Amino acid sequence: MGAGGEANHELGIAKRDIENVSSSRISSDPHNVQTQWSQRYMGERLLGMSLSLVFIVLAMVWFFDTPSLYRYSVSAGVLILFILALVMKVSRRKRLKRIRAQHLRELEEQSRN
């Protein structure tokens, strides 16, 4: 890999480190911040590896001589998997919005009293 690719990796690492340092200064519990970062990092790594594995399997099914039933079954499975992931992400986002709205209502009630 050329110097440009390595420089981009280092730039990404530096940006991530700056982001982590700034978020850890705000929080009073560095252990909690590190735990959240580790969970997010592992989630990103697992997602990346899973997506690459799915892409490799899908490419193998379409590029090599496989029966049509297998080809379309694997393609449908990948499509269903992506739709399921999208639905889960949307439902998680809605749930977080609902929780944040509840917290906001509780804070407003506390500020009135």
PDB file of N, CA and C in Angstrom:
ATOM      1  N   MET A   1       0.845  -1.167   0.000  1.00  0.00           N
ATOM      2  CA  MET A   1       0.000   0.000   0.000  1.00  0.00           C
ATOM      3  C   MET A   1       0.891   1.230   0.000  1.00  0.00           C
ATOM      4  N   GLY A   2       0.490   2.238  -0.735  1.00  0.00           N
ATOM      5  CA  GLY A   2       1.284   3.449  -0.835  1.00  0.00           C
ATOM      6  C   GLY A   2       1.159   4.320   0.396  1.00  0.00           C
ATOM      7  N   ALA A   3       1.901   5.387   0.392  1.00  0.00           N
ATOM      8  CA  ALA A   3       1.913   6.296   1.535  1.00  0.00           C
ATOM      9  C   ALA A   3       0.563   6.980   1.712  1.00  0.00           C
ATOM     10  N   GLY A   4      -0.151   7.193   0.606  1.00  0.00           N
ATOM     11  CA  GLY A   4      -1.449   7.851   0.716  1.00  0.00           C
ATOM     12  C   GLY A   4      -2.437   7.029   1.517  1.00  0.00           C
ATOM     13  N   GLY A   5      -2.454   5.719   1.295  1.00  0.00           N
ATOM     14  CA  GLY A   5      -3.366   4.857   2.035  1.00  0.00           C
ATOM     15  C   GLY A   5      -3.024   4.808   3.507  1.00  0.00           C
ATOM     16  N   GLU A   6      -1.742   4.704   3.814  1.00  0.00           N
ATOM     17  CA  GLU A   6      -1.314   4.679   5.211  1.00  0.00           C
ATOM     18  C   GLU A   6      -1.620   6.005   5.891  1.00  0.00           C
ATOM     19  N   ALA A   7      -1.443   7.101   5.165  1.00  0.00           N
ATOM     20  CA  ALA A   7      -1.720   8.415   5.731  1.00  0.00           C
ATOM     21  C   ALA A   7      -3.205   8.544   6.053  1.00  0.00           C
ATOM     22  N   ASN A   8      -4.068   8.001   5.191  1.00  0.00           N
ATOM     23  CA  ASN A   8      -5.503   8.063   5.450  1.00  0.00           C
ATOM     24  C   ASN A   8      -5.867   7.259   6.688  1.00  0.00           C
ATOM     25  N   HIS A   9      -5.227   6.110   6.871  1.00  0.00           N
ATOM     26  CA  HIS A   9      -5.500   5.320   8.070  1.00  0.00           C
ATOM     27  C   HIS A   9      -5.072   6.077   9.314  1.00  0.00           C
ATOM     28  N   GLU A  10      -3.898   6.672   9.271  1.00  0.00           N
ATOM     29  CA  GLU A  10      -3.403   7.434  10.419  1.00  0.00           C
ATOM     30  C   GLU A  10      -4.293   8.631  10.703  1.00  0.00           C
ATOM     31  N   LEU A  11      -4.796   9.269   9.650  1.00  0.00           N
ATOM     32  CA  LEU A  11      -5.693  10.406   9.838  1.00  0.00           C
ATOM     33  C   LEU A  11      -6.980   9.959  10.527  1.00  0.00           C
ATOM     34  N   GLY A  12      -7.519   8.827  10.098  1.00  0.00           N
ATOM     35  CA  GLY A  12      -8.726   8.312  10.743  1.00  0.00           C
ATOM     36  C   GLY A  12      -8.498   7.964  12.197  1.00  0.00           C
ATOM     37  N   ILE A  13      -7.359   7.361  12.490  1.00  0.00           N
ATOM     38  CA  ILE A  13      -7.024   7.021  13.879  1.00  0.00           C
ATOM     39  C   ILE A  13      -6.878   8.290  14.708  1.00  0.00           C
ATOM     40  N   ALA A  14      -6.223   9.301  14.153  1.00  0.00           N
ATOM     41  CA  ALA A  14      -6.030  10.558  14.881  1.00  0.00           C
ATOM     42  C   ALA A  14      -7.370  11.232  15.158  1.00  0.00           C
ATOM     43  N   LYS A  15      -8.262  11.239  14.162  1.00  0.00           N
ATOM     44  CA  LYS A  15      -9.583  11.844  14.380  1.00  0.00           C
ATOM     45  C   LYS A  15     -10.357  11.095  15.456  1.00  0.00           C
ATOM     46  N   ARG A  16     -10.285   9.779  15.435  1.00  0.00           N
ATOM     47  CA  ARG A  16     -10.984   8.977  16.447  1.00  0.00           C
ATOM     48  C   ARG A  16     -10.408   9.250  17.834  1.00  0.00           C
ATOM     49  N   ASP A  17      -9.085   9.368  17.942  1.00  0.00           N
ATOM     50  CA  ASP A  17      -8.459   9.655  19.228  1.00  0.00           C
ATOM     51  C   ASP A  17      -8.870  11.025  19.753  1.00  0.00           C
ATOM     52  N   ILE A  18      -8.926  12.019  18.869  1.00  0.00           N
ATOM     53  CA  ILE A  18      -9.341  13.365  19.284  1.00  0.00           C
ATOM     54  C   ILE A  18     -10.789  13.335  19.770  1.00  0.00           C
ATOM     55  N   GLU A  19     -11.629  12.621  19.059  1.00  0.00           N
ATOM     56  CA  GLU A  19     -13.037  12.501  19.453  1.00  0.00           C
ATOM     57  C   GLU A  19     -13.172  11.828  20.819  1.00  0.00           C
ATOM     58  N   ASN A  20     -12.376  10.792  21.052  1.00  0.00           N
ATOM     59  CA  ASN A  20     -12.438  10.080  22.324  1.00  0.00           C
ATOM     60  C   ASN A  20     -11.933  10.927  23.473  1.00  0.00           C
ATOM     61  N   VAL A  21     -10.869  11.669  23.243  1.00  0.00           N
ATOM     62  CA  VAL A  21     -10.323  12.518  24.305  1.00  0.00           C
ATOM     63  C   VAL A  21     -11.315  13.596  24.673  1.00  0.00           C
ATOM     64  N   SER A  22     -11.946  14.220  23.678  1.00  0.00           N
ATOM     65  CA  SER A  22     -12.899  15.286  23.978  1.00  0.00           C
ATOM     66  C   SER A  22     -14.116  14.740  24.713  1.00  0.00           C
ATOM     67  N   SER A  23     -14.570  13.541  24.360  1.00  0.00           N
ATOM     68  CA  SER A  23     -15.734  12.983  25.054  1.00  0.00           C
ATOM     69  C   SER A  23     -15.362  12.514  26.454  1.00  0.00           C
ATOM     70  N   SER A  24     -14.121  12.088  26.664  1.00  0.00           N
ATOM     71  CA  SER A  24     -13.746  11.625  27.996  1.00  0.00           C
ATOM     72  C   SER A  24     -13.547  12.788  28.948  1.00  0.00           C
ATOM     73  N   ARG A  25     -13.218  13.976  28.445  1.00  0.00           N
ATOM     74  CA  ARG A  25     -13.085  15.140  29.319  1.00  0.00           C
ATOM     75  C   ARG A  25     -14.433  15.583  29.847  1.00  0.00           C
ATOM     76  N   ILE A  26     -15.468  15.417  29.052  1.00  0.00           N
ATOM     77  CA  ILE A  26     -16.806  15.842  29.458  1.00  0.00           C
ATOM     78  C   ILE A  26     -17.341  14.928  30.551  1.00  0.00           C
ATOM     79  N   SER A  27     -17.085  13.670  30.443  1.00  0.00           N
ATOM     80  CA  SER A  27     -17.625  12.694  31.379  1.00  0.00           C
ATOM     81  C   SER A  27     -16.787  12.640  32.653  1.00  0.00           C
ATOM     82  N   SER A  28     -17.449  12.348  33.757  1.00  0.00           N
ATOM     83  CA  SER A  28     -16.729  12.230  35.020  1.00  0.00           C
ATOM     84  C   SER A  28     -16.342  10.780  35.305  1.00  0.00           C
ATOM     85  N   ASP A  29     -16.853   9.852  34.491  1.00  0.00           N
ATOM     86  CA  ASP A  29     -16.574   8.438  34.701  1.00  0.00           C
ATOM     87  C   ASP A  29     -15.789   7.880  33.517  1.00  0.00           C
ATOM     88  N   PRO A  30     -14.451   7.899  33.595  1.00  0.00           N
ATOM     89  CA  PRO A  30     -13.660   7.440  32.448  1.00  0.00           C
ATOM     90  C   PRO A  30     -13.852   5.954  32.132  1.00  0.00           C
ATOM     91  N   HIS A  31     -14.166   5.152  33.141  1.00  0.00           N
ATOM     92  CA  HIS A  31     -14.387   3.722  32.892  1.00  0.00           C
ATOM     93  C   HIS A  31     -15.618   3.521  32.007  1.00  0.00           C
ATOM     94  N   ASN A  32     -16.678   4.270  32.309  1.00  0.00           N
ATOM     95  CA  ASN A  32     -17.907   4.170  31.519  1.00  0.00           C
ATOM     96  C   ASN A  32     -17.664   4.623  30.081  1.00  0.00           C
ATOM     97  N   VAL A  33     -16.890   5.705  29.912  1.00  0.00           N
ATOM     98  CA  VAL A  33     -16.582   6.200  28.573  1.00  0.00           C
ATOM     99  C   VAL A  33     -15.790   5.152  27.795  1.00  0.00           C
ATOM    100  N   GLN A  34     -14.804   4.538  28.451  1.00  0.00           N
ATOM    101  CA  GLN A  34     -13.987   3.524  27.783  1.00  0.00           C
ATOM    102  C   GLN A  34     -14.822   2.303  27.417  1.00  0.00           C
ATOM    103  N   THR A  35     -15.729   1.918  28.292  1.00  0.00           N
ATOM    104  CA  THR A  35     -16.590   0.773  28.021  1.00  0.00           C
ATOM    105  C   THR A  35     -17.494   1.044  26.828  1.00  0.00           C
ATOM    106  N   GLN A  36     -18.088   2.230  26.782  1.00  0.00           N
ATOM    107  CA  GLN A  36     -18.952   2.576  25.657  1.00  0.00           C
ATOM    108  C   GLN A  36     -18.160   2.619  24.358  1.00  0.00           C
ATOM    109  N   TRP A  37     -16.959   3.182  24.404  1.00  0.00           N
ATOM    110  CA  TRP A  37     -16.136   3.246  23.206  1.00  0.00           C
ATOM    111  C   TRP A  37     -15.773   1.836  22.734  1.00  0.00           C
ATOM    112  N   SER A  38     -15.411   0.963  23.674  1.00  0.00           N
ATOM    113  CA  SER A  38     -15.031  -0.402  23.314  1.00  0.00           C
ATOM    114  C   SER A  38     -16.200  -1.145  22.678  1.00  0.00           C
ATOM    115  N   GLN A  39     -17.390  -0.958  23.226  1.00  0.00           N
ATOM    116  CA  GLN A  39     -18.561  -1.615  22.664  1.00  0.00           C
ATOM    117  C   GLN A  39     -18.863  -1.100  21.265  1.00  0.00           C
ATOM    118  N   ARG A  40     -18.778   0.212  21.069  1.00  0.00           N
ATOM    119  CA  ARG A  40     -19.028   0.781  19.753  1.00  0.00           C
ATOM    120  C   ARG A  40     -17.972   0.306  18.749  1.00  0.00           C
ATOM    121  N   TYR A  41     -16.720   0.261  19.192  1.00  0.00           N
ATOM    122  CA  TYR A  41     -15.621  -0.162  18.324  1.00  0.00           C
ATOM    123  C   TYR A  41     -15.792  -1.617  17.902  1.00  0.00           C
ATOM    124  N   MET A  42     -16.119  -2.485  18.862  1.00  0.00           N
ATOM    125  CA  MET A  42     -16.317  -3.892  18.525  1.00  0.00           C
ATOM    126  C   MET A  42     -17.521  -4.077  17.605  1.00  0.00           C
ATOM    127  N   GLY A  43     -18.569  -3.309  17.845  1.00  0.00           N
ATOM    128  CA  GLY A  43     -19.734  -3.375  16.968  1.00  0.00           C
ATOM    129  C   GLY A  43     -19.390  -2.988  15.542  1.00  0.00           C
ATOM    130  N   GLU A  44     -18.586  -1.932  15.403  1.00  0.00           N
ATOM    131  CA  GLU A  44     -18.176  -1.507  14.067  1.00  0.00           C
ATOM    132  C   GLU A  44     -17.307  -2.567  13.397  1.00  0.00           C
ATOM    133  N   ARG A  45     -16.411  -3.161  14.146  1.00  0.00           N
ATOM    134  CA  ARG A  45     -15.534  -4.198  13.576  1.00  0.00           C
ATOM    135  C   ARG A  45     -16.338  -5.420  13.152  1.00  0.00           C
ATOM    136  N   LEU A  46     -17.254  -5.861  14.021  1.00  0.00           N
ATOM    137  CA  LEU A  46     -18.077  -7.025  13.687  1.00  0.00           C
ATOM    138  C   LEU A  46     -18.969  -6.753  12.480  1.00  0.00           C
ATOM    139  N   LEU A  47     -19.520  -5.555  12.411  1.00  0.00           N
ATOM    140  CA  LEU A  47     -20.354  -5.195  11.274  1.00  0.00           C
ATOM    141  C   LEU A  47     -19.537  -5.203   9.989  1.00  0.00           C
ATOM    142  N   GLY A  48     -18.354  -4.633  10.035  1.00  0.00           N
ATOM    143  CA  GLY A  48     -17.497  -4.616   8.853  1.00  0.00           C
ATOM    144  C   GLY A  48     -17.110  -6.004   8.395  1.00  0.00           C
ATOM    145  N   MET A  49     -16.743  -6.858   9.340  1.00  0.00           N
ATOM    146  CA  MET A  49     -16.373  -8.225   8.976  1.00  0.00           C
ATOM    147  C   MET A  49     -17.569  -9.000   8.440  1.00  0.00           C
ATOM    148  N   SER A  50     -18.727  -8.799   9.048  1.00  0.00           N
ATOM    149  CA  SER A  50     -19.934  -9.497   8.590  1.00  0.00           C
ATOM    150  C   SER A  50     -20.317  -9.056   7.183  1.00  0.00           C
ATOM    151  N   LEU A  51     -20.253  -7.745   6.943  1.00  0.00           N
ATOM    152  CA  LEU A  51     -20.592  -7.254   5.605  1.00  0.00           C
ATOM    153  C   LEU A  51     -19.625  -7.777   4.548  1.00  0.00           C
ATOM    154  N   SER A  52     -18.347  -7.835   4.888  1.00  0.00           N
ATOM    155  CA  SER A  52     -17.392  -8.362   3.908  1.00  0.00           C
ATOM    156  C   SER A  52     -17.625  -9.848   3.656  1.00  0.00           C
ATOM    157  N   LEU A  53     -17.966 -10.594   4.693  1.00  0.00           N
ATOM    158  CA  LEU A  53     -18.255 -12.013   4.519  1.00  0.00           C
ATOM    159  C   LEU A  53     -19.501 -12.213   3.652  1.00  0.00           C
ATOM    160  N   VAL A  54     -20.532 -11.424   3.907  1.00  0.00           N
ATOM    161  CA  VAL A  54     -21.759 -11.517   3.111  1.00  0.00           C
ATOM    162  C   VAL A  54     -21.460 -11.166   1.654  1.00  0.00           C
ATOM    163  N   PHE A  55     -20.665 -10.134   1.433  1.00  0.00           N
ATOM    164  CA  PHE A  55     -20.322  -9.739   0.070  1.00  0.00           C
ATOM    165  C   PHE A  55     -19.534 -10.845  -0.636  1.00  0.00           C
ATOM    166  N   ILE A  56     -18.602 -11.477   0.062  1.00  0.00           N
ATOM    167  CA  ILE A  56     -17.810 -12.547  -0.543  1.00  0.00           C
ATOM    168  C   ILE A  56     -18.697 -13.733  -0.920  1.00  0.00           C
ATOM    169  N   VAL A  57     -19.589 -14.118  -0.022  1.00  0.00           N
ATOM    170  CA  VAL A  57     -20.497 -15.238  -0.320  1.00  0.00           C
ATOM    171  C   VAL A  57     -21.407 -14.896  -1.489  1.00  0.00           C
ATOM    172  N   LEU A  58     -21.941 -13.674  -1.487  1.00  0.00           N
ATOM    173  CA  LEU A  58     -22.824 -13.259  -2.576  1.00  0.00           C
ATOM    174  C   LEU A  58     -22.073 -13.225  -3.909  1.00  0.00           C
ATOM    175  N   ALA A  59     -20.853 -12.726  -3.883  1.00  0.00           N
ATOM    176  CA  ALA A  59     -20.059 -12.686  -5.118  1.00  0.00           C
ATOM    177  C   ALA A  59     -19.735 -14.095  -5.607  1.00  0.00           C
ATOM    178  N   MET A  60     -19.417 -15.001  -4.690  1.00  0.00           N
ATOM    179  CA  MET A  60     -19.112 -16.376  -5.087  1.00  0.00           C
ATOM    180  C   MET A  60     -20.325 -17.039  -5.732  1.00  0.00           C
ATOM    181  N   VAL A  61     -21.490 -16.786  -5.171  1.00  0.00           N
ATOM    182  CA  VAL A  61     -22.706 -17.399  -5.709  1.00  0.00           C
ATOM    183  C   VAL A  61     -22.994 -16.881  -7.114  1.00  0.00           C
ATOM    184  N   TRP A  62     -22.769 -15.590  -7.353  1.00  0.00           N
ATOM    185  CA  TRP A  62     -23.092 -15.023  -8.653  1.00  0.00           C
ATOM    186  C   TRP A  62     -21.984 -15.215  -9.679  1.00  0.00           C
ATOM    187  N   PHE A  63     -20.724 -15.252  -9.259  1.00  0.00           N
ATOM    188  CA  PHE A  63     -19.632 -15.357 -10.218  1.00  0.00           C
ATOM    189  C   PHE A  63     -19.349 -16.791 -10.654  1.00  0.00           C
ATOM    190  N   PHE A  64     -19.589 -17.738  -9.774  1.00  0.00           N
ATOM    191  CA  PHE A  64     -19.316 -19.130 -10.123  1.00  0.00           C
ATOM    192  C   PHE A  64     -20.599 -19.795 -10.591  1.00  0.00           C
ATOM    193  N   ASP A  65     -20.448 -20.910 -11.223  1.00  0.00           N
ATOM    194  CA  ASP A  65     -21.584 -21.614 -11.797  1.00  0.00           C
ATOM    195  C   ASP A  65     -22.336 -22.341 -10.687  1.00  0.00           C
ATOM    196  N   THR A  66     -23.377 -21.698 -10.203  1.00  0.00           N
ATOM    197  CA  THR A  66     -24.229 -22.310  -9.179  1.00  0.00           C
ATOM    198  C   THR A  66     -25.649 -22.403  -9.721  1.00  0.00           C
ATOM    199  N   PRO A  67     -26.405 -23.342  -9.208  1.00  0.00           N
ATOM    200  CA  PRO A  67     -27.801 -23.456  -9.659  1.00  0.00           C
ATOM    201  C   PRO A  67     -28.599 -22.188  -9.334  1.00  0.00           C
ATOM    202  N   SER A  68     -29.563 -21.914 -10.152  1.00  0.00           N
ATOM    203  CA  SER A  68     -30.367 -20.696  -9.989  1.00  0.00           C
ATOM    204  C   SER A  68     -31.071 -20.656  -8.640  1.00  0.00           C
ATOM    205  N   LEU A  69     -31.515 -21.805  -8.159  1.00  0.00           N
ATOM    206  CA  LEU A  69     -32.200 -21.845  -6.879  1.00  0.00           C
ATOM    207  C   LEU A  69     -31.295 -21.336  -5.760  1.00  0.00           C
ATOM    208  N   TYR A  70     -30.049 -21.805  -5.727  1.00  0.00           N
ATOM    209  CA  TYR A  70     -29.098 -21.341  -4.708  1.00  0.00           C
ATOM    210  C   TYR A  70     -28.784 -19.861  -4.887  1.00  0.00           C
ATOM    211  N   ARG A  71     -28.579 -19.467  -6.118  1.00  0.00           N
ATOM    212  CA  ARG A  71     -28.215 -18.080  -6.409  1.00  0.00           C
ATOM    213  C   ARG A  71     -29.290 -17.123  -5.911  1.00  0.00           C
ATOM    214  N   TYR A  72     -30.528 -17.409  -6.259  1.00  0.00           N
ATOM    215  CA  TYR A  72     -31.609 -16.507  -5.865  1.00  0.00           C
ATOM    216  C   TYR A  72     -31.957 -16.649  -4.379  1.00  0.00           C
ATOM    217  N   SER A  73     -31.777 -17.822  -3.827  1.00  0.00           N
ATOM    218  CA  SER A  73     -32.039 -18.002  -2.395  1.00  0.00           C
ATOM    219  C   SER A  73     -31.046 -17.206  -1.557  1.00  0.00           C
ATOM    220  N   VAL A  74     -29.772 -17.282  -1.919  1.00  0.00           N
ATOM    221  CA  VAL A  74     -28.761 -16.523  -1.184  1.00  0.00           C
ATOM    222  C   VAL A  74     -28.995 -15.026  -1.356  1.00  0.00           C
ATOM    223  N   SER A  75     -29.320 -14.602  -2.560  1.00  0.00           N
ATOM    224  CA  SER A  75     -29.587 -13.182  -2.814  1.00  0.00           C
ATOM    225  C   SER A  75     -30.794 -12.701  -2.007  1.00  0.00           C
ATOM    226  N   ALA A  76     -31.841 -13.515  -1.965  1.00  0.00           N
ATOM    227  CA  ALA A  76     -33.025 -13.150  -1.173  1.00  0.00           C
ATOM    228  C   ALA A  76     -32.691 -13.113   0.310  1.00  0.00           C
ATOM    229  N   GLY A  77     -31.877 -14.050   0.765  1.00  0.00           N
ATOM    230  CA  GLY A  77     -31.466 -14.050   2.171  1.00  0.00           C
ATOM    231  C   GLY A  77     -30.677 -12.808   2.539  1.00  0.00           C
ATOM    232  N   VAL A  78     -29.778 -12.393   1.657  1.00  0.00           N
ATOM    233  CA  VAL A  78     -28.997 -11.171   1.912  1.00  0.00           C
ATOM    234  C   VAL A  78     -29.910  -9.961   1.927  1.00  0.00           C
ATOM    235  N   LEU A  79     -30.849  -9.904   0.996  1.00  0.00           N
ATOM    236  CA  LEU A  79     -31.795  -8.788   0.960  1.00  0.00           C
ATOM    237  C   LEU A  79     -32.638  -8.748   2.232  1.00  0.00           C
ATOM    238  N   ILE A  80     -33.127  -9.888   2.669  1.00  0.00           N
ATOM    239  CA  ILE A  80     -33.912  -9.949   3.909  1.00  0.00           C
ATOM    240  C   ILE A  80     -33.058  -9.539   5.102  1.00  0.00           C
ATOM    241  N   LEU A  81     -31.807  -9.952   5.115  1.00  0.00           N
ATOM    242  CA  LEU A  81     -30.892  -9.585   6.200  1.00  0.00           C
ATOM    243  C   LEU A  81     -30.703  -8.076   6.268  1.00  0.00           C
ATOM    244  N   PHE A  82     -30.500  -7.426   5.106  1.00  0.00           N
ATOM    245  CA  PHE A  82     -30.334  -5.977   5.095  1.00  0.00           C
ATOM    246  C   PHE A  82     -31.616  -5.257   5.498  1.00  0.00           C
ATOM    247  N   ILE A  83     -32.755  -5.749   5.057  1.00  0.00           N
ATOM    248  CA  ILE A  83     -34.030  -5.134   5.446  1.00  0.00           C
ATOM    249  C   ILE A  83     -34.248  -5.289   6.950  1.00  0.00           C
ATOM    250  N   LEU A  84     -33.929  -6.457   7.488  1.00  0.00           N
ATOM    251  CA  LEU A  84     -34.067  -6.676   8.924  1.00  0.00           C
ATOM    252  C   LEU A  84     -33.148  -5.740   9.717  1.00  0.00           C
ATOM    253  N   ALA A  85     -31.921  -5.566   9.248  1.00  0.00           N
ATOM    254  CA  ALA A  85     -30.989  -4.660   9.925  1.00  0.00           C
ATOM    255  C   ALA A  85     -31.503  -3.224   9.880  1.00  0.00           C
ATOM    256  N   LEU A  86     -32.066  -2.826   8.756  1.00  0.00           N
ATOM    257  CA  LEU A  86     -32.610  -1.478   8.632  1.00  0.00           C
ATOM    258  C   LEU A  86     -33.801  -1.275   9.568  1.00  0.00           C
ATOM    259  N   VAL A  87     -34.683  -2.251   9.625  1.00  0.00           N
ATOM    260  CA  VAL A  87     -35.846  -2.164  10.520  1.00  0.00           C
ATOM    261  C   VAL A  87     -35.394  -2.097  11.974  1.00  0.00           C
ATOM    262  N   MET A  88     -34.391  -2.890  12.334  1.00  0.00           N
ATOM    263  CA  MET A  88     -33.894  -2.855  13.708  1.00  0.00           C
ATOM    264  C   MET A  88     -33.290  -1.493  14.043  1.00  0.00           C
ATOM    265  N   LYS A  89     -32.562  -0.916  13.106  1.00  0.00           N
ATOM    266  CA  LYS A  89     -31.950   0.392  13.339  1.00  0.00           C
ATOM    267  C   LYS A  89     -33.020   1.471  13.505  1.00  0.00           C
ATOM    268  N   VAL A  90     -34.041   1.434  12.657  1.00  0.00           N
ATOM    269  CA  VAL A  90     -35.120   2.416  12.752  1.00  0.00           C
ATOM    270  C   VAL A  90     -35.879   2.261  14.064  1.00  0.00           C
ATOM    271  N   SER A  91     -36.180   1.020  14.459  1.00  0.00           N
ATOM    272  CA  SER A  91     -36.908   0.817  15.714  1.00  0.00           C
ATOM    273  C   SER A  91     -36.064   1.237  16.916  1.00  0.00           C
ATOM    274  N   ARG A  92     -34.766   1.004  16.853  1.00  0.00           N
ATOM    275  CA  ARG A  92     -33.885   1.441  17.945  1.00  0.00           C
ATOM    276  C   ARG A  92     -33.866   2.962  18.038  1.00  0.00           C
ATOM    277  N   ARG A  93     -33.818   3.621  16.879  1.00  0.00           N
ATOM    278  CA  ARG A  93     -33.811   5.081  16.868  1.00  0.00           C
ATOM    279  C   ARG A  93     -35.116   5.634  17.435  1.00  0.00           C
ATOM    280  N   LYS A  94     -36.248   5.019  17.074  1.00  0.00           N
ATOM    281  CA  LYS A  94     -37.544   5.461  17.616  1.00  0.00           C
ATOM    282  C   LYS A  94     -37.604   5.263  19.122  1.00  0.00           C
ATOM    283  N   ARG A  95     -37.088   4.117  19.586  1.00  0.00           N
ATOM    284  CA  ARG A  95     -37.092   3.848  21.015  1.00  0.00           C
ATOM    285  C   ARG A  95     -36.228   4.858  21.762  1.00  0.00           C
ATOM    286  N   LEU A  96     -35.072   5.195  21.213  1.00  0.00           N
ATOM    287  CA  LEU A  96     -34.201   6.193  21.850  1.00  0.00           C
ATOM    288  C   LEU A  96     -34.865   7.560  21.880  1.00  0.00           C
ATOM    289  N   LYS A  97     -35.558   7.929  20.805  1.00  0.00           N
ATOM    290  CA  LYS A  97     -36.275   9.206  20.805  1.00  0.00           C
ATOM    291  C   LYS A  97     -37.358   9.222  21.879  1.00  0.00           C
ATOM    292  N   ARG A  98     -38.055   8.109  22.037  1.00  0.00           N
ATOM    293  CA  ARG A  98     -39.111   8.026  23.049  1.00  0.00           C
ATOM    294  C   ARG A  98     -38.516   8.143  24.449  1.00  0.00           C
ATOM    295  N   ILE A  99     -37.373   7.491  24.681  1.00  0.00           N
ATOM    296  CA  ILE A  99     -36.718   7.559  25.993  1.00  0.00           C
ATOM    297  C   ILE A  99     -36.224   8.980  26.257  1.00  0.00           C
ATOM    298  N   ARG A 100     -35.636   9.618  25.237  1.00  0.00           N
ATOM    299  CA  ARG A 100     -35.152  10.991  25.416  1.00  0.00           C
ATOM    300  C   ARG A 100     -36.305  11.950  25.699  1.00  0.00           C
ATOM    301  N   ALA A 101     -37.430  11.756  25.024  1.00  0.00           N
ATOM    302  CA  ALA A 101     -38.600  12.605  25.274  1.00  0.00           C
ATOM    303  C   ALA A 101     -39.091  12.417  26.704  1.00  0.00           C
ATOM    304  N   GLN A 102     -39.079  11.186  27.191  1.00  0.00           N
ATOM    305  CA  GLN A 102     -39.489  10.925  28.570  1.00  0.00           C
ATOM    306  C   GLN A 102     -38.538  11.597  29.551  1.00  0.00           C
ATOM    307  N   HIS A 103     -37.248  11.509  29.286  1.00  0.00           N
ATOM    308  CA  HIS A 103     -36.266  12.169  30.159  1.00  0.00           C
ATOM    309  C   HIS A 103     -36.458  13.676  30.150  1.00  0.00           C
ATOM    310  N   LEU A 104     -36.749  14.229  28.984  1.00  0.00           N
ATOM    311  CA  LEU A 104     -36.975  15.659  28.883  1.00  0.00           C
ATOM    312  C   LEU A 104     -38.206  16.071  29.681  1.00  0.00           C
ATOM    313  N   ARG A 105     -39.267  15.289  29.603  1.00  0.00           N
ATOM    314  CA  ARG A 105     -40.472  15.590  30.393  1.00  0.00           C
ATOM    315  C   ARG A 105     -40.169  15.523  31.886  1.00  0.00           C
ATOM    316  N   GLU A 106     -39.389  14.522  32.300  1.00  0.00           N
ATOM    317  CA  GLU A 106     -39.035  14.399  33.722  1.00  0.00           C
ATOM    318  C   GLU A 106     -38.185  15.574  34.177  1.00  0.00           C
ATOM    319  N   LEU A 107     -37.251  16.012  33.345  1.00  0.00           N
ATOM    320  CA  LEU A 107     -36.428  17.171  33.702  1.00  0.00           C
ATOM    321  C   LEU A 107     -37.264  18.448  33.789  1.00  0.00           C
ATOM    322  N   GLU A 108     -38.223  18.614  32.882  1.00  0.00           N
ATOM    323  CA  GLU A 108     -39.100  19.786  32.929  1.00  0.00           C
ATOM    324  C   GLU A 108     -39.947  19.775  34.185  1.00  0.00           C
ATOM    325  N   GLU A 109     -40.444  18.608  34.598  1.00  0.00           N
ATOM    326  CA  GLU A 109     -41.216  18.497  35.821  1.00  0.00           C
ATOM    327  C   GLU A 109     -40.368  18.817  37.042  1.00  0.00           C
ATOM    328  N   GLN A 110     -39.125  18.348  37.038  1.00  0.00           N
ATOM    329  CA  GLN A 110     -38.233  18.646  38.156  1.00  0.00           C
ATOM    330  C   GLN A 110     -37.889  20.129  38.220  1.00  0.00           C
ATOM    331  N   SER A 111     -37.732  20.769  37.087  1.00  0.00           N
ATOM    332  CA  SER A 111     -37.382  22.196  37.081  1.00  0.00           C
ATOM    333  C   SER A 111     -38.544  23.057  37.540  1.00  0.00           C
ATOM    334  N   ARG A 112     -39.776  22.581  37.334  1.00  0.00           N
ATOM    335  CA  ARG A 112     -40.957  23.325  37.801  1.00  0.00           C
ATOM    336  C   ARG A 112     -41.087  23.256  39.316  1.00  0.00           C
ATOM    337  N   ASN A 113     -40.672  22.132  39.889  1.00  0.00           N
ATOM    338  CA  ASN A 113     -40.842  21.968  41.336  1.00  0.00           C
ATOM    339  C   ASN A 113     -39.732  22.610  42.121  1.00  0.00           C
TER     340      ASN A 113
END
